[in-house]
Amino acid sequence: MKKTKVKTINLGDMNKKEFIYKNQKKVKSRFGGDMYYLFFNDGTSSFRTCVDTTFRNFSKWEKLINNIIKGDIVTGLVVKSKGMIDADSTPRYVGNIYDFNYKSNK
């Protein structure tokens, strides 16, 4: 009989990971609204997520999308697969890397 390996993920540690916002791209959604591609970096790798204004999870991202600037640090993002952040994550603004008073939790 074949055994399946199960990988355990500690979401508590994952939600503390810091991502640095790089930029965003706004395109027309095929569902009638707008879609935002948001690009982040964790210091070693690049990540992106897609957020559509017609989807339920947009309310989690709306304030961030409208106010975020380059260098802002965001936590609460869950990596779904290589290079992709789960759009159902709950992003939280932590600070900006250009703010000299900011202290990383790393």
N, C-alpha and C. Protein backbone atom coordinates (compact mmCIF):
# COMPACT_ATOMS: atom_id res chain seq x y z
N MET A 1 0.83 -1.18 0.00
CA MET A 1 0.00 0.00 0.00
C MET A 1 0.88 1.25 0.00
N LYS A 2 0.52 2.22 -0.81
CA LYS A 2 1.27 3.46 -0.92
C LYS A 2 0.89 4.42 0.20
N LYS A 3 1.88 5.05 0.81
CA LYS A 3 1.62 6.02 1.87
C LYS A 3 1.79 7.42 1.31
N THR A 4 0.90 8.31 1.71
CA THR A 4 0.97 9.70 1.29
C THR A 4 1.62 10.52 2.39
N LYS A 5 2.61 11.31 2.00
CA LYS A 5 3.26 12.19 2.97
C LYS A 5 2.44 13.46 3.12
N VAL A 6 2.28 13.91 4.35
CA VAL A 6 1.54 15.12 4.65
C VAL A 6 2.53 16.15 5.18
N LYS A 7 2.52 17.32 4.58
CA LYS A 7 3.41 18.39 5.01
C LYS A 7 2.63 19.31 5.95
N THR A 8 3.16 19.52 7.14
CA THR A 8 2.51 20.39 8.12
C THR A 8 3.08 21.79 7.98
N ILE A 9 2.18 22.77 7.93
CA ILE A 9 2.58 24.16 7.80
C ILE A 9 2.16 24.90 9.06
N ASN A 10 3.08 25.60 9.67
CA ASN A 10 2.78 26.39 10.84
C ASN A 10 2.37 27.78 10.38
N LEU A 11 1.06 28.04 10.35
CA LEU A 11 0.56 29.33 9.86
C LEU A 11 0.94 30.47 10.78
N GLY A 12 1.17 30.20 12.04
CA GLY A 12 1.59 31.25 12.97
C GLY A 12 2.91 31.85 12.54
N ASP A 13 3.87 31.02 12.17
CA ASP A 13 5.16 31.51 11.68
C ASP A 13 5.02 32.16 10.32
N MET A 14 4.18 31.58 9.47
CA MET A 14 4.03 32.09 8.11
C MET A 14 3.43 33.49 8.11
N ASN A 15 2.48 33.76 9.00
CA ASN A 15 1.84 35.07 9.04
C ASN A 15 2.77 36.15 9.56
N LYS A 16 3.89 35.77 10.21
CA LYS A 16 4.85 36.75 10.70
C LYS A 16 5.87 37.14 9.64
N LYS A 17 5.92 36.38 8.55
CA LYS A 17 6.88 36.65 7.49
C LYS A 17 6.58 38.01 6.87
N GLU A 18 7.64 38.77 6.63
CA GLU A 18 7.48 40.11 6.08
C GLU A 18 7.73 40.12 4.58
N PHE A 19 6.85 40.80 3.87
CA PHE A 19 6.98 40.97 2.43
C PHE A 19 7.09 42.45 2.13
N ILE A 20 7.97 42.80 1.23
CA ILE A 20 8.17 44.20 0.84
C ILE A 20 7.43 44.43 -0.48
N TYR A 21 6.56 45.44 -0.47
CA TYR A 21 5.77 45.77 -1.66
C TYR A 21 6.67 46.43 -2.71
N LYS A 22 6.57 45.94 -3.96
CA LYS A 22 7.35 46.51 -5.06
C LYS A 22 6.50 47.42 -5.93
N ASN A 23 5.43 46.87 -6.52
CA ASN A 23 4.56 47.66 -7.38
C ASN A 23 3.28 46.89 -7.68
N GLN A 24 2.40 47.52 -8.47
CA GLN A 24 1.16 46.87 -8.87
C GLN A 24 0.82 47.23 -10.30
N LYS A 25 0.03 46.38 -10.89
CA LYS A 25 -0.43 46.61 -12.26
C LYS A 25 -1.95 46.43 -12.26
N LYS A 26 -2.67 47.41 -12.80
CA LYS A 26 -4.13 47.36 -12.87
C LYS A 26 -4.55 47.05 -14.29
N VAL A 27 -5.39 46.03 -14.45
CA VAL A 27 -5.92 45.65 -15.76
C VAL A 27 -7.43 45.45 -15.64
N LYS A 28 -8.11 45.44 -16.77
CA LYS A 28 -9.55 45.18 -16.77
C LYS A 28 -9.80 43.70 -16.48
N SER A 29 -10.76 43.46 -15.62
CA SER A 29 -11.14 42.09 -15.28
C SER A 29 -12.12 41.55 -16.30
N ARG A 30 -12.09 40.28 -16.53
CA ARG A 30 -13.05 39.69 -17.44
C ARG A 30 -14.44 39.57 -16.79
N PHE A 31 -14.52 39.92 -15.49
CA PHE A 31 -15.79 39.86 -14.77
C PHE A 31 -16.44 41.23 -14.62
N GLY A 32 -15.87 42.25 -15.27
CA GLY A 32 -16.50 43.57 -15.28
C GLY A 32 -15.86 44.61 -14.39
N GLY A 33 -14.95 44.24 -13.54
CA GLY A 33 -14.29 45.21 -12.66
C GLY A 33 -12.85 45.41 -13.07
N ASP A 34 -12.02 45.62 -12.09
CA ASP A 34 -10.58 45.74 -12.31
C ASP A 34 -9.86 44.61 -11.58
N MET A 35 -8.72 44.21 -12.12
CA MET A 35 -7.87 43.22 -11.47
C MET A 35 -6.53 43.87 -11.18
N TYR A 36 -6.04 43.65 -9.98
CA TYR A 36 -4.74 44.19 -9.57
C TYR A 36 -3.76 43.05 -9.42
N TYR A 37 -2.62 43.18 -10.07
CA TYR A 37 -1.49 42.28 -9.84
C TYR A 37 -0.58 43.03 -8.86
N LEU A 38 -0.35 42.45 -7.69
CA LEU A 38 0.49 43.06 -6.67
C LEU A 38 1.79 42.26 -6.58
N PHE A 39 2.92 42.96 -6.56
CA PHE A 39 4.22 42.31 -6.56
C PHE A 39 4.95 42.61 -5.25
N PHE A 40 5.50 41.56 -4.66
CA PHE A 40 6.20 41.64 -3.38
C PHE A 40 7.55 40.94 -3.47
N ASN A 41 8.37 41.18 -2.46
CA ASN A 41 9.67 40.53 -2.34
C ASN A 41 9.90 40.23 -0.86
N ASP A 42 10.51 39.10 -0.55
CA ASP A 42 10.79 38.79 0.85
C ASP A 42 12.27 38.93 1.19
N GLY A 43 13.01 39.55 0.29
CA GLY A 43 14.45 39.71 0.49
C GLY A 43 15.27 38.73 -0.32
N THR A 44 14.66 37.60 -0.68
CA THR A 44 15.37 36.61 -1.48
C THR A 44 14.59 36.20 -2.73
N SER A 45 13.26 36.20 -2.64
CA SER A 45 12.42 35.75 -3.76
C SER A 45 11.34 36.77 -4.06
N SER A 46 10.82 36.70 -5.29
CA SER A 46 9.72 37.57 -5.70
C SER A 46 8.41 36.81 -5.64
N PHE A 47 7.33 37.53 -5.32
CA PHE A 47 6.01 36.93 -5.21
C PHE A 47 5.00 37.87 -5.85
N ARG A 48 3.84 37.30 -6.22
CA ARG A 48 2.76 38.12 -6.76
C ARG A 48 1.43 37.52 -6.33
N THR A 49 0.42 38.35 -6.40
CA THR A 49 -0.95 37.89 -6.18
C THR A 49 -1.86 38.66 -7.11
N CYS A 50 -3.03 38.13 -7.36
CA CYS A 50 -4.02 38.76 -8.23
C CYS A 50 -5.28 38.99 -7.41
N VAL A 51 -5.75 40.23 -7.38
CA VAL A 51 -6.95 40.59 -6.62
C VAL A 51 -7.93 41.26 -7.55
N ASP A 52 -9.14 40.71 -7.63
CA ASP A 52 -10.19 41.22 -8.52
C ASP A 52 -11.23 41.98 -7.71
N THR A 53 -11.64 43.16 -8.19
CA THR A 53 -12.60 43.99 -7.45
C THR A 53 -13.98 43.35 -7.35
N THR A 54 -14.27 42.37 -8.20
CA THR A 54 -15.59 41.72 -8.17
C THR A 54 -15.62 40.52 -7.25
N PHE A 55 -14.48 40.14 -6.67
CA PHE A 55 -14.43 38.97 -5.80
C PHE A 55 -14.60 39.37 -4.34
N ARG A 56 -15.09 38.44 -3.55
CA ARG A 56 -15.37 38.66 -2.13
C ARG A 56 -14.12 39.08 -1.35
N ASN A 57 -12.98 38.55 -1.69
CA ASN A 57 -11.75 38.83 -0.93
C ASN A 57 -11.18 40.23 -1.18
N PHE A 58 -11.75 40.98 -2.12
CA PHE A 58 -11.25 42.32 -2.41
C PHE A 58 -11.34 43.22 -1.19
N SER A 59 -12.34 43.03 -0.36
CA SER A 59 -12.50 43.87 0.83
C SER A 59 -11.30 43.77 1.77
N LYS A 60 -10.61 42.62 1.77
CA LYS A 60 -9.40 42.46 2.60
C LYS A 60 -8.24 43.30 2.05
N TRP A 61 -8.23 43.52 0.76
CA TRP A 61 -7.11 44.16 0.08
C TRP A 61 -7.34 45.62 -0.28
N GLU A 62 -8.57 46.08 -0.29
CA GLU A 62 -8.91 47.40 -0.85
C GLU A 62 -8.12 48.54 -0.22
N LYS A 63 -8.08 48.61 1.09
CA LYS A 63 -7.37 49.70 1.76
C LYS A 63 -5.88 49.66 1.42
N LEU A 64 -5.32 48.47 1.40
CA LEU A 64 -3.90 48.31 1.08
C LEU A 64 -3.62 48.75 -0.36
N ILE A 65 -4.45 48.32 -1.30
CA ILE A 65 -4.25 48.66 -2.71
C ILE A 65 -4.31 50.18 -2.92
N ASN A 66 -5.21 50.84 -2.24
CA ASN A 66 -5.39 52.29 -2.42
C ASN A 66 -4.32 53.13 -1.73
N ASN A 67 -3.62 52.58 -0.75
CA ASN A 67 -2.68 53.38 0.04
C ASN A 67 -1.22 52.92 0.03
N ILE A 68 -0.96 51.74 -0.47
CA ILE A 68 0.39 51.18 -0.37
C ILE A 68 1.37 51.91 -1.29
N ILE A 69 2.61 52.05 -0.81
CA ILE A 69 3.67 52.66 -1.62
C ILE A 69 4.88 51.74 -1.62
N LYS A 70 5.76 51.97 -2.56
CA LYS A 70 6.96 51.13 -2.69
C LYS A 70 7.74 51.12 -1.38
N GLY A 71 8.12 49.92 -0.95
CA GLY A 71 8.89 49.78 0.28
C GLY A 71 8.05 49.47 1.50
N ASP A 72 6.73 49.51 1.36
CA ASP A 72 5.87 49.17 2.49
C ASP A 72 6.02 47.69 2.84
N ILE A 73 5.98 47.40 4.12
CA ILE A 73 6.15 46.03 4.60
C ILE A 73 4.79 45.49 5.00
N VAL A 74 4.48 44.30 4.51
CA VAL A 74 3.18 43.68 4.73
C VAL A 74 3.38 42.30 5.34
N THR A 75 2.58 41.98 6.35
CA THR A 75 2.58 40.63 6.92
C THR A 75 1.19 40.03 6.70
N GLY A 76 1.02 38.78 7.10
CA GLY A 76 -0.27 38.11 6.97
C GLY A 76 -0.48 37.45 5.63
N LEU A 77 0.53 37.48 4.77
CA LEU A 77 0.41 36.87 3.44
C LEU A 77 0.83 35.41 3.50
N VAL A 78 0.05 34.55 2.87
CA VAL A 78 0.33 33.12 2.84
C VAL A 78 0.78 32.74 1.44
N VAL A 79 1.93 32.09 1.35
CA VAL A 79 2.46 31.63 0.07
C VAL A 79 1.69 30.38 -0.34
N LYS A 80 1.06 30.46 -1.50
CA LYS A 80 0.23 29.36 -2.01
C LYS A 80 1.07 28.35 -2.78
N SER A 81 1.92 28.84 -3.62
CA SER A 81 2.84 28.00 -4.40
C SER A 81 4.05 28.86 -4.73
N LYS A 82 5.00 28.30 -5.42
CA LYS A 82 6.23 29.04 -5.70
C LYS A 82 5.93 30.36 -6.42
N GLY A 83 6.24 31.45 -5.74
CA GLY A 83 6.06 32.76 -6.33
C GLY A 83 4.66 33.33 -6.26
N MET A 84 3.69 32.58 -5.70
CA MET A 84 2.30 33.04 -5.65
C MET A 84 1.83 33.20 -4.20
N ILE A 85 1.21 34.34 -3.93
CA ILE A 85 0.61 34.60 -2.63
C ILE A 85 -0.89 34.36 -2.75
N ASP A 86 -1.45 33.69 -1.77
CA ASP A 86 -2.87 33.40 -1.74
C ASP A 86 -3.66 34.70 -1.60
N ALA A 87 -4.56 34.98 -2.54
CA ALA A 87 -5.35 36.21 -2.51
C ALA A 87 -6.36 36.21 -1.37
N ASP A 88 -6.58 35.08 -0.73
CA ASP A 88 -7.45 35.01 0.44
C ASP A 88 -6.70 35.33 1.73
N SER A 89 -5.43 35.69 1.62
CA SER A 89 -4.66 36.12 2.79
C SER A 89 -5.25 37.41 3.34
N THR A 90 -4.90 37.70 4.59
CA THR A 90 -5.35 38.94 5.21
C THR A 90 -4.12 39.83 5.42
N PRO A 91 -3.86 40.76 4.49
CA PRO A 91 -2.66 41.58 4.58
C PRO A 91 -2.74 42.61 5.70
N ARG A 92 -1.59 42.85 6.35
CA ARG A 92 -1.49 43.86 7.40
C ARG A 92 -0.27 44.73 7.15
N TYR A 93 -0.47 46.03 7.13
CA TYR A 93 0.62 46.99 6.97
C TYR A 93 1.43 47.02 8.25
N VAL A 94 2.78 46.98 8.13
CA VAL A 94 3.65 46.97 9.30
C VAL A 94 4.53 48.22 9.35
N GLY A 95 4.95 48.72 8.21
CA GLY A 95 5.83 49.88 8.17
C GLY A 95 6.41 50.01 6.78
N ASN A 96 7.49 50.79 6.68
CA ASN A 96 8.15 50.98 5.40
C ASN A 96 9.65 50.83 5.60
N ILE A 97 10.32 50.16 4.66
CA ILE A 97 11.76 49.93 4.81
C ILE A 97 12.54 51.22 4.77
N TYR A 98 11.95 52.28 4.22
CA TYR A 98 12.64 53.57 4.15
C TYR A 98 12.42 54.42 5.40
N ASP A 99 11.61 53.92 6.33
CA ASP A 99 11.38 54.60 7.61
C ASP A 99 12.49 54.17 8.56
N PHE A 100 13.31 55.10 8.97
CA PHE A 100 14.48 54.77 9.79
C PHE A 100 14.12 54.31 11.19
N ASN A 101 12.88 54.52 11.62
CA ASN A 101 12.45 54.09 12.94
C ASN A 101 11.90 52.67 12.93
N TYR A 102 11.72 52.07 11.72
CA TYR A 102 11.16 50.73 11.62
C TYR A 102 12.18 49.69 12.03
N LYS A 103 11.75 48.73 12.85
CA LYS A 103 12.60 47.62 13.27
C LYS A 103 11.94 46.32 12.82
N SER A 104 12.65 45.54 12.02
CA SER A 104 12.15 44.28 11.52
C SER A 104 12.01 43.28 12.66
N ASN A 105 11.07 42.32 12.51
CA ASN A 105 10.92 41.27 13.52
C ASN A 105 11.81 40.07 13.19
N LYS A 106 12.68 40.21 12.22
CA LYS A 106 13.57 39.10 11.84
C LYS A 106 14.72 38.98 12.82
